[in-house]
Amino acid sequence: MFAGCEYLKIAPKLPATTLAYNCYYSMFSGCLALEKAPDILPATTLANNCYQRMFYGCSMLKNTPILPATVLA
């Protein structure tokens, strides 16, 4: 969705609580200016590959989100 956005500095909130297969896969991958991830990724039920490579290559990122997930695929 936002992969490769060179000027994005702050990621939007992602309020979903149940995630489907590949839901956020590579969502911010390559966003080189991204400095702030959401404070929390509130999903408690995850399908396969949900967060895989989500922040891949985000070298300016200054925080990592809280991941409260309790059900993993």
C-alpha atoms as a PDB file:
ATOM      1  CA  MET A   1       0.000   0.000   0.000  1.00  0.00           C
ATOM      2  CA  PHE A   2       2.710   2.516   0.944  1.00  0.00           C
ATOM      3  CA  ALA A   3       5.767   0.580  -0.238  1.00  0.00           C
ATOM      4  CA  GLY A   4       8.405   2.875  -1.667  1.00  0.00           C
ATOM      5  CA  CYS A   5       6.761   6.141  -0.525  1.00  0.00           C
ATOM      6  CA  GLU A   6       9.883   8.244  -0.295  1.00  0.00           C
ATOM      7  CA  TYR A   7       8.354  11.151   1.669  1.00  0.00           C
ATOM      8  CA  LEU A   8       6.170   9.301   4.204  1.00  0.00           C
ATOM      9  CA  LYS A   9       7.503  10.084   7.704  1.00  0.00           C
ATOM     10  CA  ILE A  10       4.691   8.913   9.998  1.00  0.00           C
ATOM     11  CA  ALA A  11       2.759   5.694   9.476  1.00  0.00           C
ATOM     12  CA  PRO A  12      -1.019   5.879   9.907  1.00  0.00           C
ATOM     13  CA  LYS A  13      -2.832   4.032  12.680  1.00  0.00           C
ATOM     14  CA  LEU A  14      -3.792   0.496  11.720  1.00  0.00           C
ATOM     15  CA  PRO A  15      -6.752  -0.396  13.986  1.00  0.00           C
ATOM     16  CA  ALA A  16      -7.640  -3.871  12.660  1.00  0.00           C
ATOM     17  CA  THR A  17      -7.842  -6.549  15.356  1.00  0.00           C
ATOM     18  CA  THR A  18      -8.050  -9.638  13.120  1.00  0.00           C
ATOM     19  CA  LEU A  19      -5.742  -9.909  10.133  1.00  0.00           C
ATOM     20  CA  ALA A  20      -6.070 -12.023   6.995  1.00  0.00           C
ATOM     21  CA  TYR A  21      -3.304 -13.726   5.019  1.00  0.00           C
ATOM     22  CA  ASN A  22      -0.611 -11.241   3.847  1.00  0.00           C
ATOM     23  CA  CYS A  23      -2.663  -8.377   5.291  1.00  0.00           C
ATOM     24  CA  TYR A  24       0.159  -5.867   5.940  1.00  0.00           C
ATOM     25  CA  TYR A  25       2.870  -7.675   3.979  1.00  0.00           C
ATOM     26  CA  SER A  26       5.554  -5.142   2.874  1.00  0.00           C
ATOM     27  CA  MET A  27       3.168  -2.284   3.651  1.00  0.00           C
ATOM     28  CA  PHE A  28       5.919   0.266   4.369  1.00  0.00           C
ATOM     29  CA  SER A  29       8.802  -1.580   2.747  1.00  0.00           C
ATOM     30  CA  GLY A  30      11.337   0.834   1.290  1.00  0.00           C
ATOM     31  CA  CYS A  31       9.843   3.932   2.925  1.00  0.00           C
ATOM     32  CA  LEU A  32      13.283   5.403   3.542  1.00  0.00           C
ATOM     33  CA  ALA A  33      12.036   8.559   5.318  1.00  0.00           C
ATOM     34  CA  LEU A  34       9.655   6.697   7.667  1.00  0.00           C
ATOM     35  CA  GLU A  35      10.523   7.708  11.237  1.00  0.00           C
ATOM     36  CA  LYS A  36       7.463   6.707  13.275  1.00  0.00           C
ATOM     37  CA  ALA A  37       5.576   3.435  13.189  1.00  0.00           C
ATOM     38  CA  PRO A  38       2.154   3.153  14.846  1.00  0.00           C
ATOM     39  CA  ASP A  39       2.553   2.912  18.642  1.00  0.00           C
ATOM     40  CA  ILE A  40       0.609  -0.332  18.657  1.00  0.00           C
ATOM     41  CA  LEU A  41      -0.517  -2.843  16.072  1.00  0.00           C
ATOM     42  CA  PRO A  42      -3.611  -3.978  18.011  1.00  0.00           C
ATOM     43  CA  ALA A  43      -4.365  -7.198  16.128  1.00  0.00           C
ATOM     44  CA  THR A  44      -4.711 -10.161  18.456  1.00  0.00           C
ATOM     45  CA  THR A  45      -5.350 -12.764  15.746  1.00  0.00           C
ATOM     46  CA  LEU A  46      -2.863 -13.077  12.886  1.00  0.00           C
ATOM     47  CA  ALA A  47      -2.920 -15.129   9.693  1.00  0.00           C
ATOM     48  CA  ASN A  48       0.258 -16.159   7.847  1.00  0.00           C
ATOM     49  CA  ASN A  49       2.685 -13.440   6.713  1.00  0.00           C
ATOM     50  CA  CYS A  50       0.680 -10.564   8.226  1.00  0.00           C
ATOM     51  CA  TYR A  51       3.604  -8.407   9.332  1.00  0.00           C
ATOM     52  CA  GLN A  52       6.306  -9.953   7.131  1.00  0.00           C
ATOM     53  CA  ARG A  53       8.634  -7.295   5.686  1.00  0.00           C
ATOM     54  CA  MET A  54       6.281  -4.587   6.934  1.00  0.00           C
ATOM     55  CA  PHE A  55       9.095  -2.175   7.767  1.00  0.00           C
ATOM     56  CA  TYR A  56      11.820  -3.702   5.591  1.00  0.00           C
ATOM     57  CA  GLY A  57      14.404  -1.095   4.607  1.00  0.00           C
ATOM     58  CA  CYS A  58      12.997   1.613   6.897  1.00  0.00           C
ATOM     59  CA  SER A  59      16.404   2.742   8.116  1.00  0.00           C
ATOM     60  CA  MET A  60      15.131   5.977   9.728  1.00  0.00           C
ATOM     61  CA  LEU A  61      12.541   4.235  11.923  1.00  0.00           C
ATOM     62  CA  LYS A  62      12.894   5.366  15.550  1.00  0.00           C
ATOM     63  CA  ASN A  63      10.313   3.172  17.292  1.00  0.00           C
ATOM     64  CA  THR A  64       8.808  -0.269  17.052  1.00  0.00           C
ATOM     65  CA  PRO A  65       5.129  -0.948  17.655  1.00  0.00           C
ATOM     66  CA  ILE A  66       3.733  -2.991  20.505  1.00  0.00           C
ATOM     67  CA  LEU A  67       2.469  -6.337  19.191  1.00  0.00           C
ATOM     68  CA  PRO A  68      -0.179  -7.809  21.550  1.00  0.00           C
ATOM     69  CA  ALA A  69      -1.084 -10.730  19.245  1.00  0.00           C
ATOM     70  CA  THR A  70      -2.018 -13.913  21.107  1.00  0.00           C
ATOM     71  CA  VAL A  71      -3.207 -16.097  18.198  1.00  0.00           C
ATOM     72  CA  LEU A  72      -0.632 -16.768  15.476  1.00  0.00           C
ATOM     73  CA  ALA A  73      -1.033 -18.785  12.285  1.00  0.00           C
END
